[in-house]
Amino acid sequence: MKHRKLFALLLTVVLSVGAVFTGCGSGSGQSDTIKVGFYGTLAGSGAYVDTAAKMAIEDYIEQINANGGWLGKQVQLVSYDVSKDPATESVTAATRLIEQDKVIGIVGISGTASTLPIISLCNETQTPCIASAATNTKVTMNEDTGEVYPYLFRVCFIDPYQGTALADFAYNDLDIQKVATLTRVNNAYAMGIQEYFKEQYTALGGKIVKELGYQETEVEFRAQLTAAADAGATAILVAASEYKDAGLIANQAADLGLEFTFLLPDGVYASELLNVAGDTLGSSYISVGADENDPAFADFKSSFDEKHKDSGYTANIYTYYALDSFMLLEYAVKTADSLDGPAIRDALENAKDAPCFTEAITIDPETHNPLNKSITVLTVKDGAYSVYKTYKPE
């Protein structure tokens, strides 16, 4: 709490600072500068995820540099946009960050699709990568060998836990017996959520009455919604990775006069979802890694929103996740007292109660996932989010 309040206070002090270290791909290689890499969707419909996250990291770096930097050196964020084709552009961005810009690590990667392609590159070049919201198990683990990827880490919970928790919640807390799933196909995150939800829900005794899918560019869902209703579903798991999909689905269900309980993963969590579908989501539930409107974050959120009021972006859950990933790297650099990739990797793998933004993080050395990561279930009622239940695994 003190860490976040200090962050918010310092953020207000630097409102007038113009020299922001942002990514320009300069590759200057100055010995007095530590470069950290970042890439994401900085344009288009998914920009709300990564743009504010990039701003938050830049704001925090202003603080760091004003207080002497890391190991006596200034810190610079080098960032690239991969919005046109994240799966392929991520490789180009990561290669440039590592080989040209000489970053000591890459942080804040929010998508599984843009993390998986760079695994080999990070391992081969001994460049630590900390994903902020890439929840697929394949990000840190080799499924064929069962071994952990040495240079891949994450600060978020994983798909099995989120999918399983949603299934437990639907069956045990809500007593829902029949569910349809509506999944964005060819999306690793969405398909992972659906897979683990189905496995756990059916094991508990629930019935998946219809498994439906849709393509990335699809905007018409009435046929799938009608099919779900005809199959007897009282709830729909919307396995999506952008809020716009969930908004369209909820609005079109209302247009058809269909009432479902919507079960939503954290990929669609955004204040914008309430703006486009707050009145049609009904009694819906969404799993998240932290409550965006938790009073613990109020000072930071207020300062961020004031500083960036002309940008069109406000602090959201992805800014929190991104700060977690950056602060974990900061912890590792200071713990290792080194900028050497293997030394940073060792510090990350053995991180214990690292002081991050949403909560202290301990890394499981066997999986490179955070241990005991909280998951919060929010309700969507009367056009607003509210906390329904928080899980804290032991």
Protein backbone atom coordinates (compact mmCIF):
# COMPACT_ATOMS: atom_id res chain seq x y z
CA MET A 1 0.00 0.00 0.00
CA LYS A 2 2.79 2.43 0.93
CA HIS A 3 4.59 1.55 -2.30
CA ARG A 4 1.53 2.43 -4.38
CA LYS A 5 0.88 5.68 -2.49
CA LEU A 6 4.49 6.76 -2.98
CA PHE A 7 4.19 5.89 -6.65
CA ALA A 8 1.05 8.04 -6.95
CA LEU A 9 2.65 10.94 -5.10
CA LEU A 10 5.79 10.90 -7.22
CA LEU A 11 3.72 10.57 -10.37
CA THR A 12 1.99 13.86 -9.60
CA VAL A 13 5.36 15.53 -9.02
CA VAL A 14 6.64 14.55 -12.45
CA LEU A 15 3.58 15.74 -14.38
CA SER A 16 5.63 18.45 -15.99
CA VAL A 17 8.63 16.28 -16.85
CA GLY A 18 9.09 16.18 -20.59
CA ALA A 19 12.06 13.89 -20.93
CA VAL A 20 10.27 10.58 -20.96
CA PHE A 21 12.36 7.56 -21.91
CA THR A 22 10.25 5.86 -24.56
CA GLY A 23 11.03 3.29 -27.20
CA CYS A 24 12.43 4.71 -30.38
CA GLY A 25 14.57 1.75 -31.37
CA SER A 26 17.69 3.89 -31.21
CA GLY A 27 20.01 1.15 -30.01
CA SER A 28 22.36 3.78 -28.62
CA GLY A 29 24.20 1.32 -26.42
CA GLN A 30 25.24 4.03 -23.93
CA SER A 31 26.96 2.47 -20.96
CA ASP A 32 25.09 4.67 -18.51
CA THR A 33 21.67 3.52 -19.72
CA ILE A 34 19.86 0.27 -18.92
CA LYS A 35 17.34 -0.62 -21.60
CA VAL A 36 14.24 -2.70 -20.93
CA GLY A 37 12.09 -4.01 -23.77
CA PHE A 38 8.34 -3.82 -24.25
CA TYR A 39 6.02 -4.56 -27.16
CA GLY A 40 2.28 -4.85 -27.54
CA THR A 41 -0.89 -3.84 -29.31
CA LEU A 42 -0.57 -0.07 -29.33
CA ALA A 43 -3.16 0.58 -32.07
CA GLY A 44 -6.59 -0.71 -33.04
CA SER A 45 -9.35 -2.28 -30.95
CA GLY A 46 -6.96 -4.02 -28.56
CA ALA A 47 -4.87 -0.94 -27.77
CA TYR A 48 -6.61 -0.44 -24.43
CA VAL A 49 -4.65 -3.43 -23.12
CA ASP A 50 -1.09 -2.32 -23.86
CA THR A 51 -1.08 1.45 -24.41
CA ALA A 52 -1.94 2.42 -20.84
CA ALA A 53 0.40 -0.33 -19.61
CA LYS A 54 3.28 1.22 -21.56
CA MET A 55 2.44 4.65 -20.12
CA ALA A 56 2.42 3.28 -16.57
CA ILE A 57 5.86 1.71 -16.97
CA GLU A 58 7.20 4.95 -18.44
CA ASP A 59 5.79 6.91 -15.48
CA TYR A 60 7.45 4.51 -13.05
CA ILE A 61 10.75 4.80 -14.90
CA GLU A 62 10.58 8.58 -14.43
CA GLN A 63 10.52 7.91 -10.69
CA ILE A 64 13.38 5.47 -10.87
CA ASN A 65 15.59 7.84 -12.83
CA ALA A 66 14.75 10.76 -10.55
CA ASN A 67 16.01 8.62 -7.67
CA GLY A 68 19.26 7.50 -9.27
CA GLY A 69 18.18 4.70 -11.58
CA TRP A 70 19.26 1.07 -11.23
CA LEU A 71 22.80 0.28 -10.11
CA GLY A 72 23.71 3.90 -10.70
CA LYS A 73 22.46 3.90 -14.30
CA GLN A 74 19.43 5.53 -15.93
CA VAL A 75 16.66 3.24 -17.19
CA GLN A 76 15.00 3.46 -20.62
CA LEU A 77 11.95 1.66 -21.97
CA VAL A 78 12.25 0.64 -25.62
CA SER A 79 8.88 -0.27 -27.09
CA TYR A 80 7.37 -1.45 -30.37
CA ASP A 81 3.85 -1.83 -31.74
CA VAL A 82 2.86 -5.32 -32.95
CA SER A 83 -0.84 -4.64 -33.47
CA LYS A 84 -1.07 -5.65 -37.13
CA ASP A 85 -0.01 -9.27 -36.57
CA PRO A 86 1.15 -9.98 -32.99
CA ALA A 87 2.16 -13.58 -33.65
CA THR A 88 4.70 -12.65 -36.33
CA GLU A 89 5.55 -9.06 -35.43
CA SER A 90 6.48 -10.15 -31.91
CA VAL A 91 9.46 -12.06 -33.30
CA THR A 92 10.64 -9.02 -35.24
CA ALA A 93 10.17 -6.78 -32.20
CA ALA A 94 11.92 -9.13 -29.78
CA THR A 95 14.81 -9.69 -32.18
CA ARG A 96 15.30 -5.96 -32.56
CA LEU A 97 15.04 -5.37 -28.82
CA ILE A 98 17.64 -8.03 -28.05
CA GLU A 99 20.09 -7.72 -30.93
CA GLN A 100 19.91 -4.01 -31.77
CA ASP A 101 18.65 -2.26 -28.65
CA LYS A 102 20.55 -4.55 -26.25
CA VAL A 103 17.80 -4.75 -23.63
CA ILE A 104 18.45 -6.62 -20.39
CA GLY A 105 14.93 -8.09 -20.41
CA ILE A 106 11.47 -7.88 -21.93
CA VAL A 107 8.45 -7.12 -19.75
CA GLY A 108 4.71 -6.51 -19.98
CA ILE A 109 3.79 -8.95 -22.75
CA SER A 110 0.04 -9.31 -22.36
CA GLY A 111 -0.85 -11.98 -24.91
CA THR A 112 -0.08 -15.67 -25.23
CA ALA A 113 -0.02 -15.39 -29.03
CA SER A 114 2.71 -12.74 -28.87
CA THR A 115 4.74 -14.57 -26.21
CA LEU A 116 4.97 -18.11 -27.55
CA PRO A 117 6.90 -17.16 -30.72
CA ILE A 118 9.81 -15.58 -28.80
CA ILE A 119 10.51 -18.39 -26.33
CA SER A 120 13.44 -19.88 -28.26
CA LEU A 121 14.94 -16.46 -28.92
CA CYS A 122 14.87 -15.49 -25.24
CA ASN A 123 16.34 -18.80 -24.13
CA GLU A 124 19.07 -18.79 -26.76
CA THR A 125 20.12 -15.20 -26.02
CA GLN A 126 19.70 -15.56 -22.25
CA THR A 127 17.25 -12.65 -22.16
CA PRO A 128 14.71 -12.78 -19.29
CA CYS A 129 11.11 -12.29 -20.41
CA ILE A 130 8.32 -11.58 -17.91
CA ALA A 131 4.80 -11.87 -19.32
CA SER A 132 2.18 -9.73 -17.62
CA ALA A 133 -1.04 -11.40 -18.78
CA ALA A 134 -0.06 -14.35 -21.02
CA THR A 135 -1.86 -17.13 -19.15
CA ASN A 136 -1.31 -20.20 -21.35
CA THR A 137 0.79 -22.91 -19.65
CA LYS A 138 3.01 -23.20 -22.75
CA VAL A 139 4.51 -19.77 -22.07
CA THR A 140 6.81 -21.05 -19.32
CA MET A 141 6.72 -24.84 -19.69
CA ASN A 142 7.76 -27.27 -22.44
CA GLU A 143 4.76 -29.59 -22.62
CA ASP A 144 6.74 -32.31 -24.39
CA THR A 145 9.51 -32.57 -21.79
CA GLY A 146 7.80 -31.13 -18.72
CA GLU A 147 10.75 -28.79 -18.22
CA VAL A 148 10.55 -25.10 -17.47
CA TYR A 149 11.84 -22.63 -20.04
CA PRO A 150 14.80 -21.03 -18.25
CA TYR A 151 14.23 -17.41 -19.33
CA LEU A 152 10.40 -17.22 -19.43
CA PHE A 153 8.41 -16.00 -16.42
CA ARG A 154 4.98 -14.55 -15.69
CA VAL A 155 3.22 -12.56 -12.97
CA CYS A 156 -0.38 -13.62 -13.74
CA PHE A 157 -2.30 -16.79 -12.97
CA ILE A 158 -2.48 -19.49 -15.65
CA ASP A 159 -5.35 -20.76 -17.80
CA PRO A 160 -5.84 -24.04 -15.88
CA TYR A 161 -6.38 -22.16 -12.65
CA GLN A 162 -8.66 -19.51 -14.12
CA GLY A 163 -10.67 -22.00 -16.18
CA THR A 164 -10.94 -24.40 -13.25
CA ALA A 165 -11.89 -21.62 -10.83
CA LEU A 166 -14.66 -20.40 -13.15
CA ALA A 167 -15.99 -23.96 -13.42
CA ASP A 168 -15.95 -24.45 -9.64
CA PHE A 169 -17.64 -21.11 -9.19
CA ALA A 170 -20.38 -21.80 -11.75
CA TYR A 171 -21.18 -25.26 -10.42
CA ASN A 172 -20.67 -24.85 -6.67
CA ASP A 173 -21.45 -21.19 -6.01
CA LEU A 174 -24.09 -20.50 -8.64
CA ASP A 175 -25.51 -24.04 -8.93
CA ILE A 176 -25.54 -23.79 -12.73
CA GLN A 177 -26.16 -27.20 -14.29
CA LYS A 178 -26.13 -26.45 -18.02
CA VAL A 179 -23.57 -24.27 -19.76
CA ALA A 180 -22.79 -23.46 -23.38
CA THR A 181 -19.32 -22.29 -24.38
CA LEU A 182 -18.68 -19.61 -27.00
CA THR A 183 -14.99 -19.50 -27.88
CA ARG A 184 -12.82 -17.36 -30.11
CA VAL A 185 -11.18 -20.06 -32.22
CA ASN A 186 -7.49 -19.99 -33.18
CA ASN A 187 -6.78 -17.96 -30.05
CA ALA A 188 -4.59 -19.87 -27.59
CA TYR A 189 -5.80 -17.93 -24.56
CA ALA A 190 -9.51 -18.35 -25.32
CA MET A 191 -9.22 -22.00 -26.24
CA GLY A 192 -7.22 -22.74 -23.11
CA ILE A 193 -9.88 -21.17 -20.89
CA GLN A 194 -12.59 -23.20 -22.62
CA GLU A 195 -10.62 -26.44 -22.39
CA TYR A 196 -9.92 -26.24 -18.67
CA PHE A 197 -13.39 -24.97 -17.84
CA LYS A 198 -14.95 -27.90 -19.68
CA GLU A 199 -12.67 -30.44 -18.03
CA GLN A 200 -13.43 -29.26 -14.50
CA TYR A 201 -17.11 -28.47 -15.03
CA THR A 202 -17.95 -31.88 -16.44
CA ALA A 203 -15.88 -33.58 -13.73
CA LEU A 204 -18.03 -31.84 -11.13
CA GLY A 205 -21.21 -33.12 -12.80
CA GLY A 206 -22.17 -30.13 -14.91
CA LYS A 207 -23.21 -30.50 -18.54
CA ILE A 208 -21.79 -28.61 -21.51
CA VAL A 209 -24.88 -28.53 -23.71
CA LYS A 210 -23.27 -26.76 -26.69
CA GLU A 211 -19.73 -25.89 -27.75
CA LEU A 212 -19.78 -22.92 -30.10
CA GLY A 213 -17.04 -20.86 -31.74
CA TYR A 214 -16.39 -17.71 -33.70
CA GLN A 215 -13.63 -16.10 -35.75
CA GLU A 216 -11.54 -13.09 -34.77
CA THR A 217 -13.31 -10.65 -37.10
CA GLU A 218 -16.82 -11.91 -36.39
CA VAL A 219 -19.36 -9.39 -35.09
CA GLU A 220 -22.62 -11.33 -35.48
CA PHE A 221 -23.41 -13.84 -32.71
CA ARG A 222 -27.18 -14.27 -32.88
CA ALA A 223 -27.01 -17.73 -34.44
CA GLN A 224 -24.70 -19.03 -31.71
CA LEU A 225 -26.80 -17.45 -28.96
CA THR A 226 -29.97 -18.98 -30.35
CA ALA A 227 -28.29 -22.37 -30.56
CA ALA A 228 -27.20 -22.08 -26.92
CA ALA A 229 -30.73 -21.24 -25.80
CA ASP A 230 -32.23 -24.06 -27.86
CA ALA A 231 -29.81 -26.48 -26.19
CA GLY A 232 -31.08 -25.46 -22.76
CA ALA A 233 -28.09 -23.44 -21.56
CA THR A 234 -28.75 -21.09 -18.66
CA ALA A 235 -25.20 -19.73 -18.74
CA ILE A 236 -22.56 -19.11 -21.39
CA LEU A 237 -18.81 -19.19 -20.91
CA VAL A 238 -17.58 -16.46 -23.25
CA ALA A 239 -13.96 -17.48 -23.88
CA ALA A 240 -12.75 -14.25 -25.48
CA SER A 241 -9.65 -12.08 -25.32
CA GLU A 242 -11.17 -8.63 -26.02
CA TYR A 243 -14.00 -6.78 -24.32
CA LYS A 244 -15.64 -5.89 -27.65
CA ASP A 245 -16.58 -9.53 -28.23
CA ALA A 246 -18.24 -9.88 -24.83
CA GLY A 247 -20.05 -6.57 -25.35
CA LEU A 248 -21.46 -7.58 -28.72
CA ILE A 249 -22.54 -10.98 -27.40
CA ALA A 250 -24.35 -9.49 -24.39
CA ASN A 251 -26.07 -6.81 -26.47
CA GLN A 252 -27.22 -9.28 -29.12
CA ALA A 253 -28.55 -11.69 -26.49
CA ALA A 254 -30.63 -8.82 -25.09
CA ASP A 255 -31.86 -7.99 -28.61
CA LEU A 256 -33.08 -11.59 -28.92
CA GLY A 257 -34.74 -11.50 -25.51
CA LEU A 258 -32.43 -14.23 -24.22
CA GLU A 259 -31.30 -14.19 -20.60
CA PHE A 260 -28.03 -15.90 -19.77
CA THR A 261 -25.57 -15.72 -16.92
CA PHE A 262 -22.31 -14.81 -18.65
CA LEU A 263 -19.08 -16.28 -17.30
CA LEU A 264 -16.15 -14.15 -18.45
CA PRO A 265 -12.35 -14.52 -18.18
CA ASP A 266 -9.98 -11.67 -17.42
CA GLY A 267 -9.20 -11.12 -21.10
CA VAL A 268 -12.42 -9.11 -21.48
CA TYR A 269 -12.13 -7.14 -18.26
CA ALA A 270 -12.14 -3.42 -19.00
CA SER A 271 -14.13 -0.37 -17.97
CA GLU A 272 -15.02 -0.04 -21.65
CA LEU A 273 -17.04 -3.25 -21.42
CA LEU A 274 -19.43 -1.51 -19.04
CA ASN A 275 -19.69 1.44 -21.40
CA VAL A 276 -20.79 -0.71 -24.34
CA ALA A 277 -22.81 -3.40 -22.56
CA GLY A 278 -23.26 -2.51 -18.89
CA ASP A 279 -27.04 -2.57 -19.17
CA THR A 280 -27.21 -5.92 -20.98
CA LEU A 281 -24.72 -8.06 -19.09
CA GLY A 282 -27.30 -8.91 -16.45
CA SER A 283 -26.05 -11.11 -13.62
CA SER A 284 -22.64 -11.85 -15.05
CA TYR A 285 -19.34 -12.79 -13.48
CA ILE A 286 -15.74 -12.16 -14.49
CA SER A 287 -12.51 -13.59 -13.06
CA VAL A 288 -9.59 -11.18 -12.66
CA GLY A 289 -6.15 -11.09 -11.06
CA ALA A 290 -7.02 -7.91 -9.17
CA ASP A 291 -9.94 -5.54 -8.81
CA GLU A 292 -9.20 -2.45 -10.88
CA ASN A 293 -11.25 -0.33 -8.48
CA ASP A 294 -9.79 -1.69 -5.26
CA PRO A 295 -9.30 1.27 -2.87
CA ALA A 296 -5.66 0.18 -2.53
CA PHE A 297 -5.08 1.41 -6.08
CA ALA A 298 -7.12 4.61 -5.81
CA ASP A 299 -4.21 7.04 -5.38
CA PHE A 300 -2.29 5.59 -8.28
CA LYS A 301 -5.34 5.47 -10.54
CA SER A 302 -6.27 9.07 -9.76
CA SER A 303 -2.76 10.33 -10.48
CA PHE A 304 -2.41 8.30 -13.67
CA ASP A 305 -5.79 9.39 -15.00
CA GLU A 306 -5.02 13.04 -14.30
CA LYS A 307 -1.63 12.91 -15.97
CA HIS A 308 -2.95 11.15 -19.08
CA LYS A 309 -6.40 12.76 -19.28
CA ASP A 310 -5.77 13.99 -22.83
CA SER A 311 -4.61 10.59 -24.12
CA GLY A 312 -8.00 8.88 -24.02
CA TYR A 313 -6.61 6.18 -21.73
CA THR A 314 -7.13 5.54 -18.03
CA ALA A 315 -5.42 3.17 -15.62
CA ASN A 316 -6.80 -0.33 -16.02
CA ILE A 317 -6.02 -3.83 -14.83
CA TYR A 318 -3.39 -4.26 -17.55
CA THR A 319 -1.44 -1.28 -16.22
CA TYR A 320 -1.34 -3.07 -12.87
CA TYR A 321 -0.18 -6.35 -14.43
CA ALA A 322 2.47 -4.54 -16.49
CA LEU A 323 3.81 -2.79 -13.39
CA ASP A 324 3.97 -6.15 -11.63
CA SER A 325 6.17 -7.50 -14.41
CA PHE A 326 8.44 -4.44 -14.48
CA MET A 327 8.78 -4.33 -10.69
CA LEU A 328 9.65 -8.02 -10.63
CA LEU A 329 12.48 -7.32 -13.08
CA GLU A 330 13.57 -4.40 -10.92
CA TYR A 331 13.65 -6.69 -7.89
CA ALA A 332 15.77 -9.22 -9.79
CA VAL A 333 18.27 -6.62 -11.03
CA LYS A 334 18.74 -5.22 -7.53
CA THR A 335 18.88 -8.65 -5.91
CA ALA A 336 21.43 -9.92 -8.41
CA ASP A 337 23.29 -6.57 -8.34
CA SER A 338 23.96 -7.34 -11.97
CA LEU A 339 22.74 -6.73 -15.53
CA ASP A 340 23.89 -10.18 -16.64
CA GLY A 341 21.09 -12.31 -18.10
CA PRO A 342 21.85 -15.53 -16.17
CA ALA A 343 22.21 -13.62 -12.90
CA ILE A 344 18.87 -11.86 -13.41
CA ARG A 345 17.29 -15.18 -14.37
CA ASP A 346 18.51 -16.80 -11.13
CA ALA A 347 17.12 -13.92 -9.08
CA LEU A 348 13.76 -14.18 -10.83
CA GLU A 349 13.56 -17.92 -10.33
CA ASN A 350 14.23 -17.55 -6.62
CA ALA A 351 12.11 -14.43 -6.08
CA LYS A 352 10.35 -14.53 -2.72
CA ASP A 353 7.83 -11.91 -1.65
CA ALA A 354 9.11 -9.54 -4.32
CA PRO A 355 7.44 -6.13 -3.77
CA CYS A 356 5.31 -5.69 -6.88
CA PHE A 357 2.31 -3.50 -7.62
CA THR A 358 -0.77 -5.65 -6.98
CA GLU A 359 0.78 -7.87 -4.32
CA ALA A 360 4.07 -9.42 -3.24
CA ILE A 361 5.07 -12.15 -5.69
CA THR A 362 6.89 -15.41 -5.07
CA ILE A 363 7.96 -17.39 -8.12
CA ASP A 364 7.67 -21.18 -8.26
CA PRO A 365 11.08 -22.31 -9.59
CA GLU A 366 9.49 -25.45 -11.05
CA THR A 367 7.03 -23.56 -13.26
CA HIS A 368 8.13 -19.88 -13.26
CA ASN A 369 4.55 -18.99 -12.31
CA PRO A 370 3.61 -16.90 -9.26
CA LEU A 371 2.67 -18.95 -6.21
CA ASN A 372 -0.66 -18.38 -4.45
CA LYS A 373 -1.77 -15.75 -6.96
CA SER A 374 -5.11 -14.25 -5.99
CA ILE A 375 -8.13 -14.52 -8.27
CA THR A 376 -11.15 -12.28 -7.77
CA VAL A 377 -14.62 -12.90 -9.15
CA LEU A 378 -16.49 -9.70 -9.98
CA THR A 379 -20.19 -9.39 -10.61
CA VAL A 380 -21.68 -7.18 -13.29
CA LYS A 381 -24.96 -5.81 -12.01
CA ASP A 382 -26.74 -2.54 -12.70
CA GLY A 383 -23.98 -1.52 -15.07
CA ALA A 384 -21.12 -1.72 -12.56
CA TYR A 385 -18.46 -4.13 -11.28
CA SER A 386 -18.44 -5.28 -7.68
CA VAL A 387 -16.40 -7.93 -5.87
CA TYR A 388 -18.30 -11.17 -5.33
CA LYS A 389 -15.57 -13.48 -4.06
CA THR A 390 -11.78 -13.69 -3.84
CA TYR A 391 -9.85 -16.96 -4.02
CA LYS A 392 -6.39 -17.25 -2.49
CA PRO A 393 -4.91 -20.72 -3.15
CA GLU A 394 -2.51 -22.18 -0.61
